[in-house]
Amino acid sequence: MPKTTAPDTTTGFKPKYSHVPVTKQWRVVDYVVTAVLGISVGLIFWVLALSWKVLELGFQAFPPSIGLIAGLWVLAGPLAAIIIRKPGAALLCEMIAAIVEAVLGSHFGATVLLSGFIQGLGAELIFAAFGYRKFSLWVTSLSGLLAATFMSVSENIMYNAEWQLGFQAAYAVCAIISGIVISGIGAWFAYRAIAKTGALSSFASGRMR
């Protein structure tokens, strides 16, 4: 009869696979992938900024409704956090994306750097609140929600100051919904699609079950 060994309950049983990184220390591959994500999303930001005046024409009937696509601006943070799963990933990735947009040229000017910091901070705080140990769909959605909340408040101050309070509130509601759908739920399914290709095999986030 084959000899079997029971789990050593005195030292604590540890599963072979964990969705949480063994250490919170950053590796070279963490920086590289965060940079790649930031540059990729930054290119999206740049195209979005170039197209913004045209996009606004489609929302002339009710200008605050443009918030329904504003969730794209906070995509980098939740996406990086759910993949890298280490402190600072959301903030760093959102800042890299903002720098790319600023360097390539944006009619929003240097304020995109401040926006990147504020939005990245919003995304980061949710994962920090869970100790960087919860990376579920709803936690990612919360991250998109808070990032979009921070974004809507800052943009109402920087860009929408001439709007009436009702318009600003409507913009905030639209942006928050967009943040949940695009940068929360959307980021989650984007991560799952990337993970299924095997590209994240060196990350805890790639150990899907």
N, C-alpha and C. Protein backbone atom coordinates (compact mmCIF):
# COMPACT_ATOMS: atom_id res chain seq x y z
N MET A 1 0.85 -1.20 0.00
CA MET A 1 0.00 0.00 0.00
C MET A 1 0.89 1.25 0.00
N PRO A 2 0.61 2.22 -0.91
CA PRO A 2 1.44 3.43 -0.93
C PRO A 2 1.35 4.17 0.39
N LYS A 3 2.46 4.71 0.79
CA LYS A 3 2.50 5.46 2.02
C LYS A 3 2.00 6.87 1.78
N THR A 4 1.06 7.31 2.57
CA THR A 4 0.53 8.66 2.42
C THR A 4 0.93 9.49 3.62
N THR A 5 0.98 10.80 3.39
CA THR A 5 1.35 11.72 4.45
C THR A 5 0.26 12.74 4.67
N ALA A 6 -0.23 12.83 5.87
CA ALA A 6 -1.27 13.81 6.18
C ALA A 6 -0.66 15.20 6.28
N PRO A 7 -1.45 16.25 5.95
CA PRO A 7 -0.94 17.62 6.08
C PRO A 7 -0.46 17.89 7.50
N ASP A 8 0.66 18.60 7.61
CA ASP A 8 1.23 18.94 8.90
C ASP A 8 0.47 20.12 9.50
N THR A 9 -0.51 19.79 10.36
CA THR A 9 -1.34 20.84 10.94
C THR A 9 -0.63 21.62 12.02
N THR A 10 0.53 21.12 12.45
CA THR A 10 1.25 21.85 13.50
C THR A 10 1.98 23.07 12.94
N THR A 11 2.37 22.98 11.64
CA THR A 11 3.08 24.11 11.03
C THR A 11 2.18 24.95 10.15
N GLY A 12 0.92 24.50 9.98
CA GLY A 12 0.00 25.27 9.15
C GLY A 12 0.06 24.81 7.71
N PHE A 13 -1.13 24.50 7.14
CA PHE A 13 -1.18 24.04 5.76
C PHE A 13 -1.24 25.22 4.82
N LYS A 14 -0.37 25.22 3.80
CA LYS A 14 -0.37 26.28 2.83
C LYS A 14 -0.71 25.70 1.46
N PRO A 15 -1.71 26.26 0.76
CA PRO A 15 -2.04 25.74 -0.56
C PRO A 15 -0.89 25.96 -1.52
N LYS A 16 -0.80 25.04 -2.53
CA LYS A 16 0.27 25.16 -3.51
C LYS A 16 0.12 26.44 -4.31
N TYR A 17 -1.13 26.79 -4.64
CA TYR A 17 -1.38 27.99 -5.43
C TYR A 17 -2.13 29.01 -4.60
N SER A 18 -1.77 30.26 -4.77
CA SER A 18 -2.47 31.33 -4.08
C SER A 18 -2.66 32.48 -5.05
N HIS A 19 -3.80 33.15 -4.92
CA HIS A 19 -4.05 34.30 -5.79
C HIS A 19 -3.39 35.55 -5.23
N VAL A 20 -2.72 35.41 -4.09
CA VAL A 20 -2.02 36.54 -3.46
C VAL A 20 -0.51 36.32 -3.60
N PRO A 21 0.26 37.34 -4.03
CA PRO A 21 1.71 37.16 -4.16
C PRO A 21 2.35 36.75 -2.84
N VAL A 22 3.41 35.95 -2.92
CA VAL A 22 4.11 35.50 -1.73
C VAL A 22 4.68 36.68 -0.96
N THR A 23 5.18 37.67 -1.69
CA THR A 23 5.76 38.85 -1.06
C THR A 23 5.21 40.11 -1.72
N LYS A 24 5.20 41.19 -0.95
CA LYS A 24 4.75 42.47 -1.50
C LYS A 24 5.91 43.26 -2.11
N GLN A 25 7.11 42.67 -2.06
CA GLN A 25 8.26 43.30 -2.69
C GLN A 25 8.11 43.26 -4.21
N TRP A 26 8.46 44.36 -4.85
CA TRP A 26 8.34 44.42 -6.30
C TRP A 26 9.51 43.73 -6.97
N ARG A 27 9.20 42.96 -8.04
CA ARG A 27 10.22 42.33 -8.87
C ARG A 27 10.39 43.15 -10.15
N VAL A 28 11.44 42.84 -10.89
CA VAL A 28 11.67 43.55 -12.15
C VAL A 28 10.49 43.36 -13.09
N VAL A 29 9.95 42.14 -13.14
CA VAL A 29 8.83 41.86 -14.04
C VAL A 29 7.58 42.65 -13.64
N ASP A 30 7.44 42.95 -12.37
CA ASP A 30 6.30 43.76 -11.93
C ASP A 30 6.41 45.18 -12.52
N TYR A 31 7.63 45.75 -12.43
CA TYR A 31 7.82 47.09 -12.99
C TYR A 31 7.62 47.09 -14.51
N VAL A 32 8.15 46.05 -15.16
CA VAL A 32 8.05 46.00 -16.63
C VAL A 32 6.60 45.92 -17.08
N VAL A 33 5.84 45.01 -16.46
CA VAL A 33 4.44 44.84 -16.87
C VAL A 33 3.61 46.07 -16.50
N THR A 34 3.89 46.68 -15.37
CA THR A 34 3.18 47.92 -15.01
C THR A 34 3.47 49.01 -16.03
N ALA A 35 4.73 49.10 -16.47
CA ALA A 35 5.09 50.11 -17.48
C ALA A 35 4.39 49.83 -18.80
N VAL A 36 4.35 48.55 -19.20
CA VAL A 36 3.69 48.19 -20.46
C VAL A 36 2.20 48.54 -20.40
N LEU A 37 1.57 48.20 -19.27
CA LEU A 37 0.14 48.52 -19.10
C LEU A 37 -0.07 50.04 -19.12
N GLY A 38 0.80 50.76 -18.41
CA GLY A 38 0.66 52.22 -18.34
C GLY A 38 0.83 52.87 -19.71
N ILE A 39 1.81 52.42 -20.46
CA ILE A 39 2.04 52.98 -21.80
C ILE A 39 0.87 52.65 -22.72
N SER A 40 0.39 51.41 -22.64
CA SER A 40 -0.73 51.00 -23.50
C SER A 40 -1.99 51.82 -23.21
N VAL A 41 -2.32 51.95 -21.92
CA VAL A 41 -3.51 52.73 -21.57
C VAL A 41 -3.27 54.21 -21.84
N GLY A 42 -2.01 54.67 -21.68
CA GLY A 42 -1.69 56.06 -21.99
C GLY A 42 -1.96 56.39 -23.45
N LEU A 43 -1.68 55.44 -24.33
CA LEU A 43 -1.98 55.65 -25.75
C LEU A 43 -3.49 55.78 -25.97
N ILE A 44 -4.25 54.99 -25.21
CA ILE A 44 -5.72 55.11 -25.29
C ILE A 44 -6.15 56.50 -24.81
N PHE A 45 -5.53 56.95 -23.70
CA PHE A 45 -5.85 58.29 -23.17
C PHE A 45 -5.55 59.36 -24.23
N TRP A 46 -4.41 59.21 -24.90
CA TRP A 46 -3.99 60.20 -25.89
C TRP A 46 -5.00 60.28 -27.04
N VAL A 47 -5.41 59.11 -27.55
CA VAL A 47 -6.40 59.08 -28.62
C VAL A 47 -7.73 59.66 -28.13
N LEU A 48 -8.08 59.34 -26.90
CA LEU A 48 -9.32 59.84 -26.32
C LEU A 48 -9.28 61.37 -26.20
N ALA A 49 -8.12 61.90 -25.76
CA ALA A 49 -7.96 63.35 -25.63
C ALA A 49 -8.05 64.03 -26.99
N LEU A 50 -7.41 63.41 -28.01
CA LEU A 50 -7.46 63.98 -29.36
C LEU A 50 -8.89 64.01 -29.89
N SER A 51 -9.68 63.03 -29.50
CA SER A 51 -11.04 62.90 -30.03
C SER A 51 -12.08 63.58 -29.15
N TRP A 52 -11.66 64.15 -28.04
CA TRP A 52 -12.62 64.62 -27.02
C TRP A 52 -13.59 65.66 -27.56
N LYS A 53 -13.06 66.63 -28.34
CA LYS A 53 -13.94 67.68 -28.87
C LYS A 53 -15.00 67.10 -29.80
N VAL A 54 -14.62 66.08 -30.55
CA VAL A 54 -15.59 65.42 -31.44
C VAL A 54 -16.59 64.62 -30.61
N LEU A 55 -16.07 63.91 -29.61
CA LEU A 55 -16.96 63.11 -28.76
C LEU A 55 -17.97 63.99 -28.05
N GLU A 56 -17.55 65.20 -27.65
CA GLU A 56 -18.46 66.10 -26.94
C GLU A 56 -19.69 66.44 -27.79
N LEU A 57 -19.50 66.47 -29.11
CA LEU A 57 -20.62 66.80 -29.99
C LEU A 57 -21.76 65.78 -29.87
N GLY A 58 -21.40 64.55 -29.56
CA GLY A 58 -22.40 63.50 -29.42
C GLY A 58 -23.19 63.59 -28.12
N PHE A 59 -22.76 64.47 -27.22
CA PHE A 59 -23.45 64.60 -25.92
C PHE A 59 -24.00 66.01 -25.72
N GLN A 60 -24.14 66.76 -26.83
CA GLN A 60 -24.59 68.14 -26.73
C GLN A 60 -26.00 68.26 -26.15
N ALA A 61 -26.83 67.24 -26.39
CA ALA A 61 -28.21 67.31 -25.89
C ALA A 61 -28.23 67.40 -24.36
N PHE A 62 -27.27 66.74 -23.71
CA PHE A 62 -27.18 66.80 -22.25
C PHE A 62 -25.69 66.62 -21.89
N PRO A 63 -24.92 67.71 -21.88
CA PRO A 63 -23.45 67.64 -21.71
C PRO A 63 -22.95 66.77 -20.56
N PRO A 64 -23.61 66.76 -19.38
CA PRO A 64 -23.08 65.91 -18.30
C PRO A 64 -23.06 64.43 -18.63
N SER A 65 -23.85 64.01 -19.63
CA SER A 65 -23.90 62.59 -19.97
C SER A 65 -22.60 62.09 -20.59
N ILE A 66 -21.68 63.00 -20.93
CA ILE A 66 -20.38 62.56 -21.43
C ILE A 66 -19.61 61.78 -20.35
N GLY A 67 -20.08 61.94 -19.12
CA GLY A 67 -19.50 61.15 -18.04
C GLY A 67 -19.64 59.65 -18.26
N LEU A 68 -20.58 59.26 -19.13
CA LEU A 68 -20.81 57.83 -19.39
C LEU A 68 -19.61 57.16 -20.06
N ILE A 69 -18.72 57.95 -20.67
CA ILE A 69 -17.51 57.37 -21.25
C ILE A 69 -16.27 57.78 -20.46
N ALA A 70 -16.47 58.56 -19.40
CA ALA A 70 -15.33 59.07 -18.63
C ALA A 70 -14.63 57.96 -17.85
N GLY A 71 -15.30 56.84 -17.66
CA GLY A 71 -14.68 55.75 -16.93
C GLY A 71 -13.41 55.23 -17.58
N LEU A 72 -13.26 55.50 -18.88
CA LEU A 72 -12.03 55.09 -19.57
C LEU A 72 -10.79 55.74 -18.96
N TRP A 73 -10.97 56.95 -18.39
CA TRP A 73 -9.83 57.68 -17.84
C TRP A 73 -9.27 57.02 -16.59
N VAL A 74 -10.00 56.12 -15.98
CA VAL A 74 -9.51 55.51 -14.73
C VAL A 74 -9.24 54.02 -14.92
N LEU A 75 -9.08 53.60 -16.16
CA LEU A 75 -8.89 52.17 -16.46
C LEU A 75 -7.55 51.63 -15.95
N ALA A 76 -6.50 52.44 -16.06
CA ALA A 76 -5.14 51.94 -15.78
C ALA A 76 -4.99 51.42 -14.35
N GLY A 77 -5.53 52.16 -13.38
CA GLY A 77 -5.34 51.79 -11.98
C GLY A 77 -5.91 50.43 -11.61
N PRO A 78 -7.23 50.22 -11.78
CA PRO A 78 -7.80 48.91 -11.43
C PRO A 78 -7.19 47.76 -12.23
N LEU A 79 -6.88 47.99 -13.51
CA LEU A 79 -6.32 46.92 -14.34
C LEU A 79 -4.94 46.49 -13.84
N ALA A 80 -4.09 47.46 -13.52
CA ALA A 80 -2.76 47.13 -13.01
C ALA A 80 -2.84 46.47 -11.64
N ALA A 81 -3.72 46.97 -10.80
CA ALA A 81 -3.83 46.43 -9.44
C ALA A 81 -4.27 44.96 -9.45
N ILE A 82 -5.22 44.63 -10.33
CA ILE A 82 -5.74 43.26 -10.36
C ILE A 82 -4.72 42.30 -10.95
N ILE A 83 -3.79 42.81 -11.76
CA ILE A 83 -2.76 41.95 -12.36
C ILE A 83 -1.51 41.87 -11.47
N ILE A 84 -0.98 43.01 -11.06
CA ILE A 84 0.27 43.03 -10.28
C ILE A 84 0.02 42.62 -8.83
N ARG A 85 -1.06 43.11 -8.23
CA ARG A 85 -1.48 42.74 -6.87
C ARG A 85 -0.45 43.11 -5.80
N LYS A 86 0.20 44.26 -5.99
CA LYS A 86 1.16 44.74 -4.99
C LYS A 86 0.92 46.22 -4.72
N PRO A 87 1.27 46.69 -3.53
CA PRO A 87 1.03 48.09 -3.17
C PRO A 87 1.65 49.05 -4.17
N GLY A 88 0.88 50.03 -4.59
CA GLY A 88 1.38 51.07 -5.47
C GLY A 88 1.15 50.81 -6.95
N ALA A 89 0.70 49.61 -7.31
CA ALA A 89 0.54 49.28 -8.73
C ALA A 89 -0.48 50.18 -9.42
N ALA A 90 -1.62 50.39 -8.78
CA ALA A 90 -2.67 51.21 -9.39
C ALA A 90 -2.20 52.64 -9.58
N LEU A 91 -1.59 53.20 -8.54
CA LEU A 91 -1.14 54.60 -8.60
C LEU A 91 -0.03 54.77 -9.64
N LEU A 92 0.94 53.85 -9.62
CA LEU A 92 2.06 53.96 -10.56
C LEU A 92 1.59 53.83 -12.00
N CYS A 93 0.72 52.87 -12.27
CA CYS A 93 0.26 52.65 -13.64
C CYS A 93 -0.55 53.84 -14.16
N GLU A 94 -1.41 54.38 -13.29
CA GLU A 94 -2.21 55.53 -13.72
C GLU A 94 -1.32 56.74 -13.98
N MET A 95 -0.26 56.89 -13.19
CA MET A 95 0.67 58.01 -13.41
C MET A 95 1.45 57.82 -14.72
N ILE A 96 1.88 56.59 -14.99
CA ILE A 96 2.60 56.34 -16.25
C ILE A 96 1.70 56.66 -17.44
N ALA A 97 0.44 56.23 -17.37
CA ALA A 97 -0.51 56.51 -18.45
C ALA A 97 -0.70 58.01 -18.62
N ALA A 98 -0.78 58.74 -17.52
CA ALA A 98 -0.95 60.20 -17.59
C ALA A 98 0.29 60.87 -18.19
N ILE A 99 1.47 60.37 -17.82
CA ILE A 99 2.71 60.93 -18.37
C ILE A 99 2.78 60.70 -19.88
N VAL A 100 2.40 59.50 -20.32
CA VAL A 100 2.39 59.20 -21.76
C VAL A 100 1.46 60.16 -22.48
N GLU A 101 0.27 60.37 -21.92
CA GLU A 101 -0.69 61.29 -22.54
C GLU A 101 -0.12 62.70 -22.59
N ALA A 102 0.52 63.14 -21.51
CA ALA A 102 1.07 64.49 -21.46
C ALA A 102 2.22 64.66 -22.45
N VAL A 103 3.09 63.67 -22.54
CA VAL A 103 4.26 63.75 -23.43
C VAL A 103 3.82 63.77 -24.89
N LEU A 104 2.83 62.95 -25.24
CA LEU A 104 2.37 62.89 -26.63
C LEU A 104 1.56 64.12 -27.01
N GLY A 105 1.03 64.80 -26.01
CA GLY A 105 0.27 66.02 -26.28
C GLY A 105 -1.20 65.85 -26.01
N SER A 106 -1.70 66.66 -25.08
CA SER A 106 -3.12 66.61 -24.73
C SER A 106 -3.62 68.04 -24.52
N HIS A 107 -4.82 68.31 -25.02
CA HIS A 107 -5.36 69.67 -24.83
C HIS A 107 -5.71 69.93 -23.37
N PHE A 108 -5.69 68.89 -22.54
CA PHE A 108 -5.91 69.09 -21.11
C PHE A 108 -4.66 69.64 -20.44
N GLY A 109 -3.52 69.60 -21.16
CA GLY A 109 -2.28 70.17 -20.63
C GLY A 109 -1.69 69.35 -19.49
N ALA A 110 -0.88 70.04 -18.68
CA ALA A 110 -0.17 69.36 -17.59
C ALA A 110 -1.11 68.91 -16.47
N THR A 111 -2.37 69.36 -16.51
CA THR A 111 -3.31 68.94 -15.47
C THR A 111 -3.57 67.43 -15.51
N VAL A 112 -3.22 66.78 -16.64
CA VAL A 112 -3.44 65.33 -16.71
C VAL A 112 -2.58 64.60 -15.67
N LEU A 113 -1.45 65.21 -15.30
CA LEU A 113 -0.60 64.58 -14.29
C LEU A 113 -1.29 64.59 -12.93
N LEU A 114 -1.91 65.72 -12.60
CA LEU A 114 -2.66 65.81 -11.34
C LEU A 114 -3.86 64.85 -11.39
N SER A 115 -4.52 64.81 -12.55
CA SER A 115 -5.66 63.91 -12.69
C SER A 115 -5.21 62.45 -12.52
N GLY A 116 -4.07 62.11 -13.11
CA GLY A 116 -3.56 60.75 -13.00
C GLY A 116 -3.28 60.37 -11.56
N PHE A 117 -2.72 61.32 -10.80
CA PHE A 117 -2.44 61.03 -9.39
C PHE A 117 -3.73 60.84 -8.60
N ILE A 118 -4.68 61.72 -8.81
CA ILE A 118 -5.95 61.64 -8.06
C ILE A 118 -6.70 60.35 -8.39
N GLN A 119 -6.78 60.04 -9.67
CA GLN A 119 -7.52 58.84 -10.09
C GLN A 119 -6.81 57.55 -9.66
N GLY A 120 -5.47 57.56 -9.77
CA GLY A 120 -4.72 56.39 -9.34
C GLY A 120 -4.84 56.17 -7.84
N LEU A 121 -4.86 57.27 -7.10
CA LEU A 121 -5.01 57.18 -5.65
C LEU A 121 -6.36 56.56 -5.29
N GLY A 122 -7.41 56.99 -5.99
CA GLY A 122 -8.73 56.43 -5.73
C GLY A 122 -8.77 54.93 -5.95
N ALA A 123 -8.17 54.48 -7.05
CA ALA A 123 -8.14 53.04 -7.33
C ALA A 123 -7.30 52.29 -6.30
N GLU A 124 -6.20 52.89 -5.90
CA GLU A 124 -5.26 52.25 -4.97
C GLU A 124 -5.88 52.05 -3.59
N LEU A 125 -6.65 53.03 -3.12
CA LEU A 125 -7.17 53.00 -1.75
C LEU A 125 -8.05 51.78 -1.48
N ILE A 126 -8.80 51.35 -2.50
CA ILE A 126 -9.68 50.20 -2.29
C ILE A 126 -8.88 48.93 -2.03
N PHE A 127 -7.86 48.68 -2.85
CA PHE A 127 -7.05 47.47 -2.65
C PHE A 127 -6.26 47.56 -1.35
N ALA A 128 -5.83 48.77 -0.99
CA ALA A 128 -5.13 48.96 0.29
C ALA A 128 -6.07 48.66 1.46
N ALA A 129 -7.34 49.06 1.32
CA ALA A 129 -8.31 48.84 2.39
C ALA A 129 -8.51 47.35 2.67
N PHE A 130 -8.30 46.53 1.64
CA PHE A 130 -8.43 45.08 1.81
C PHE A 130 -7.07 44.41 2.01
N GLY A 131 -6.06 45.21 2.32
CA GLY A 131 -4.74 44.67 2.63
C GLY A 131 -4.06 44.00 1.45
N TYR A 132 -4.48 44.35 0.24
CA TYR A 132 -3.94 43.73 -0.98
C TYR A 132 -4.07 42.21 -0.94
N ARG A 133 -5.20 41.73 -0.40
CA ARG A 133 -5.45 40.29 -0.32
C ARG A 133 -6.78 39.89 -0.95
N LYS A 134 -7.56 40.87 -1.39
CA LYS A 134 -8.84 40.59 -2.05
C LYS A 134 -8.80 41.16 -3.47
N PHE A 135 -9.01 40.29 -4.44
CA PHE A 135 -8.91 40.72 -5.83
C PHE A 135 -10.08 40.18 -6.64
N SER A 136 -11.25 40.26 -6.06
CA SER A 136 -12.45 39.73 -6.71
C SER A 136 -13.04 40.77 -7.67
N LEU A 137 -14.08 40.31 -8.37
CA LEU A 137 -14.77 41.21 -9.31
C LEU A 137 -15.35 42.41 -8.59
N TRP A 138 -15.96 42.19 -7.43
CA TRP A 138 -16.61 43.32 -6.78
C TRP A 138 -15.61 44.28 -6.14
N VAL A 139 -14.45 43.77 -5.71
CA VAL A 139 -13.41 44.67 -5.19
C VAL A 139 -12.85 45.52 -6.33
N THR A 140 -12.65 44.90 -7.50
CA THR A 140 -12.18 45.65 -8.65
C THR A 140 -13.22 46.70 -9.08
N SER A 141 -14.49 46.33 -8.96
CA SER A 141 -15.56 47.28 -9.29
C SER A 141 -15.57 48.45 -8.32
N LEU A 142 -15.34 48.15 -7.04
CA LEU A 142 -15.24 49.23 -6.05
C LEU A 142 -14.08 50.17 -6.37
N SER A 143 -12.99 49.58 -6.84
CA SER A 143 -11.83 50.38 -7.21
C SER A 143 -12.18 51.34 -8.36
N GLY A 144 -12.88 50.81 -9.36
CA GLY A 144 -13.32 51.67 -10.45
C GLY A 144 -14.28 52.75 -9.97
N LEU A 145 -15.14 52.38 -9.02
CA LEU A 145 -16.11 53.34 -8.47
C LEU A 145 -15.40 54.50 -7.76
N LEU A 146 -14.44 54.16 -6.88
CA LEU A 146 -13.78 55.23 -6.10
C LEU A 146 -12.88 56.08 -7.00
N ALA A 147 -12.20 55.43 -7.94
CA ALA A 147 -11.36 56.20 -8.87
C ALA A 147 -12.22 57.18 -9.66
N ALA A 148 -13.39 56.73 -10.11
CA ALA A 148 -14.28 57.60 -10.88
C ALA A 148 -14.88 58.70 -10.00
N THR A 149 -15.11 58.38 -8.74
CA THR A 149 -15.61 59.40 -7.81
C THR A 149 -14.58 60.51 -7.63
N PHE A 150 -13.32 60.11 -7.40
CA PHE A 150 -12.25 61.10 -7.28
C PHE A 150 -12.14 61.92 -8.57
N MET A 151 -12.25 61.22 -9.71
CA MET A 151 -12.14 61.90 -11.01
C MET A 151 -13.26 62.93 -11.19
N SER A 152 -14.49 62.53 -10.88
CA SER A 152 -15.63 63.42 -11.11
C SER A 152 -15.55 64.67 -10.23
N VAL A 153 -15.10 64.49 -9.00
CA VAL A 153 -14.96 65.66 -8.12
C VAL A 153 -13.88 66.61 -8.64
N SER A 154 -12.72 66.05 -9.00
CA SER A 154 -11.63 66.90 -9.47
C SER A 154 -11.97 67.56 -10.80
N GLU A 155 -12.65 66.83 -11.69
CA GLU A 155 -12.97 67.42 -12.99
C GLU A 155 -14.08 68.46 -12.89
N ASN A 156 -14.99 68.27 -11.95
CA ASN A 156 -16.00 69.31 -11.75
C ASN A 156 -15.36 70.61 -11.25
N ILE A 157 -14.24 70.47 -10.51
CA ILE A 157 -13.53 71.66 -10.04
C ILE A 157 -12.66 72.26 -11.15
N MET A 158 -11.94 71.40 -11.88
CA MET A 158 -10.98 71.90 -12.87
C MET A 158 -11.61 72.27 -14.21
N TYR A 159 -12.59 71.46 -14.66
CA TYR A 159 -13.10 71.65 -16.02
C TYR A 159 -14.58 72.05 -16.09
N ASN A 160 -15.36 71.71 -15.08
CA ASN A 160 -16.80 71.94 -15.17
C ASN A 160 -17.29 72.97 -14.17
N ALA A 161 -16.41 73.86 -13.77
CA ALA A 161 -16.76 74.81 -12.71
C ALA A 161 -17.92 75.72 -13.10
N GLU A 162 -18.09 75.97 -14.41
CA GLU A 162 -19.15 76.89 -14.84
C GLU A 162 -20.52 76.21 -14.88
N TRP A 163 -20.55 74.90 -14.74
CA TRP A 163 -21.83 74.19 -14.74
C TRP A 163 -22.61 74.44 -13.45
N GLN A 164 -23.92 74.35 -13.56
CA GLN A 164 -24.77 74.40 -12.37
C GLN A 164 -24.56 73.12 -11.56
N LEU A 165 -24.92 73.21 -10.29
CA LEU A 165 -24.71 72.07 -9.39
C LEU A 165 -25.41 70.81 -9.89
N GLY A 166 -26.60 70.98 -10.48
CA GLY A 166 -27.34 69.83 -10.99
C GLY A 166 -26.58 69.13 -12.10
N PHE A 167 -25.97 69.91 -12.99
CA PHE A 167 -25.17 69.33 -14.08
C PHE A 167 -23.95 68.62 -13.51
N GLN A 168 -23.31 69.24 -12.53
CA GLN A 168 -22.12 68.61 -11.94
C GLN A 168 -22.48 67.29 -11.25
N ALA A 169 -23.61 67.27 -10.57
CA ALA A 169 -24.06 66.03 -9.90
C ALA A 169 -24.38 64.96 -10.93
N ALA A 170 -25.04 65.36 -12.02
CA ALA A 170 -25.38 64.40 -13.08
C ALA A 170 -24.10 63.85 -13.71
N TYR A 171 -23.11 64.72 -13.92
CA TYR A 171 -21.83 64.25 -14.48
C TYR A 171 -21.18 63.24 -13.54
N ALA A 172 -21.21 63.53 -12.25
CA ALA A 172 -20.60 62.62 -11.27
C ALA A 172 -21.28 61.25 -11.29
N VAL A 173 -22.62 61.24 -11.35
CA VAL A 173 -23.35 59.97 -11.37
C VAL A 173 -22.99 59.17 -12.63
N CYS A 174 -22.99 59.87 -13.78
CA CYS A 174 -22.64 59.19 -15.04
C CYS A 174 -21.21 58.65 -15.00
N ALA A 175 -20.27 59.46 -14.47
CA ALA A 175 -18.88 59.04 -14.42
C ALA A 175 -18.68 57.85 -13.48
N ILE A 176 -19.39 57.86 -12.37
CA ILE A 176 -19.26 56.75 -11.41
C ILE A 176 -19.80 55.45 -12.02
N ILE A 177 -20.95 55.54 -12.70
CA ILE A 177 -21.49 54.35 -13.38
C ILE A 177 -20.49 53.85 -14.42
N SER A 178 -19.93 54.80 -15.17
CA SER A 178 -18.95 54.44 -16.18
C SER A 178 -17.70 53.82 -15.56
N GLY A 179 -17.27 54.35 -14.43
CA GLY A 179 -16.10 53.81 -13.75
C GLY A 179 -16.32 52.37 -13.30
N ILE A 180 -17.51 52.10 -12.78
CA ILE A 180 -17.83 50.73 -12.34
C ILE A 180 -17.83 49.77 -13.54
N VAL A 181 -18.52 50.20 -14.61
CA VAL A 181 -18.70 49.30 -15.76
C VAL A 181 -17.40 49.12 -16.56
N ILE A 182 -16.77 50.25 -16.92
CA ILE A 182 -15.59 50.18 -17.81
C ILE A 182 -14.33 49.80 -17.04
N SER A 183 -14.06 50.52 -15.95
CA SER A 183 -12.78 50.33 -15.25
C SER A 183 -12.85 49.36 -14.09
N GLY A 184 -14.05 48.95 -13.73
CA GLY A 184 -14.19 47.93 -12.70
C GLY A 184 -14.46 46.58 -13.35
N ILE A 185 -15.70 46.41 -13.82
CA ILE A 185 -16.09 45.15 -14.46
C ILE A 185 -15.27 44.92 -15.73
N GLY A 186 -15.08 45.97 -16.52
CA GLY A 186 -14.31 45.84 -17.76
C GLY A 186 -12.87 45.42 -17.50
N ALA A 187 -12.25 46.06 -16.50
CA ALA A 187 -10.86 45.72 -16.18
C ALA A 187 -10.75 44.28 -15.71
N TRP A 188 -11.75 43.83 -14.95
CA TRP A 188 -11.74 42.45 -14.44
C TRP A 188 -11.77 41.45 -15.59
N PHE A 189 -12.68 41.66 -16.55
CA PHE A 189 -12.78 40.70 -17.66
C PHE A 189 -11.60 40.84 -18.61
N ALA A 190 -11.02 42.03 -18.72
CA ALA A 190 -9.80 42.18 -19.53
C ALA A 190 -8.66 41.38 -18.90
N TYR A 191 -8.54 41.47 -17.58
CA TYR A 191 -7.52 40.69 -16.86
C TYR A 191 -7.74 39.19 -17.06
N ARG A 192 -8.97 38.73 -16.95
CA ARG A 192 -9.27 37.30 -17.12
C ARG A 192 -8.92 36.83 -18.53
N ALA A 193 -9.19 37.68 -19.51
CA ALA A 193 -8.87 37.32 -20.89
C ALA A 193 -7.35 37.22 -21.09
N ILE A 194 -6.61 38.15 -20.49
CA ILE A 194 -5.14 38.13 -20.61
C ILE A 194 -4.60 36.90 -19.89
N ALA A 195 -5.13 36.61 -18.71
CA ALA A 195 -4.64 35.48 -17.93
C ALA A 195 -4.84 34.16 -18.66
N LYS A 196 -5.93 34.03 -19.39
CA LYS A 196 -6.22 32.78 -20.09
C LYS A 196 -5.23 32.50 -21.21
N THR A 197 -4.51 33.54 -21.66
CA THR A 197 -3.50 33.33 -22.70
C THR A 197 -2.21 32.76 -22.13
N GLY A 198 -2.08 32.77 -20.79
CA GLY A 198 -0.86 32.29 -20.16
C GLY A 198 0.19 33.38 -19.97
N ALA A 199 -0.13 34.60 -20.39
CA ALA A 199 0.84 35.70 -20.32
C ALA A 199 1.15 36.11 -18.88
N LEU A 200 0.29 35.71 -17.95
CA LEU A 200 0.49 36.12 -16.55
C LEU A 200 0.97 34.94 -15.69
N SER A 201 1.62 33.98 -16.31
CA SER A 201 2.03 32.77 -15.59
C SER A 201 3.03 33.06 -14.47
N SER A 202 3.74 34.17 -14.56
CA SER A 202 4.72 34.51 -13.52
C SER A 202 4.10 35.35 -12.41
N PHE A 203 2.78 35.54 -12.47
CA PHE A 203 2.08 36.34 -11.45
C PHE A 203 1.07 35.46 -10.71
N ALA A 204 0.83 35.83 -9.47
CA ALA A 204 -0.21 35.15 -8.71
C ALA A 204 -1.56 35.32 -9.40
N SER A 205 -1.75 36.45 -10.07
CA SER A 205 -3.01 36.70 -10.78
C SER A 205 -3.21 35.76 -11.96
N GLY A 206 -2.14 35.08 -12.39
CA GLY A 206 -2.27 34.15 -13.51
C GLY A 206 -2.65 32.76 -13.09
N ARG A 207 -2.75 32.53 -11.78
CA ARG A 207 -3.08 31.20 -11.26
C ARG A 207 -4.57 31.06 -11.07
N MET A 208 -5.30 31.20 -12.16
CA MET A 208 -6.76 31.13 -12.08
C MET A 208 -7.20 29.70 -11.89
N ARG A 209 -8.23 29.53 -11.09
CA ARG A 209 -8.85 28.22 -10.89
C ARG A 209 -10.35 28.34 -11.11
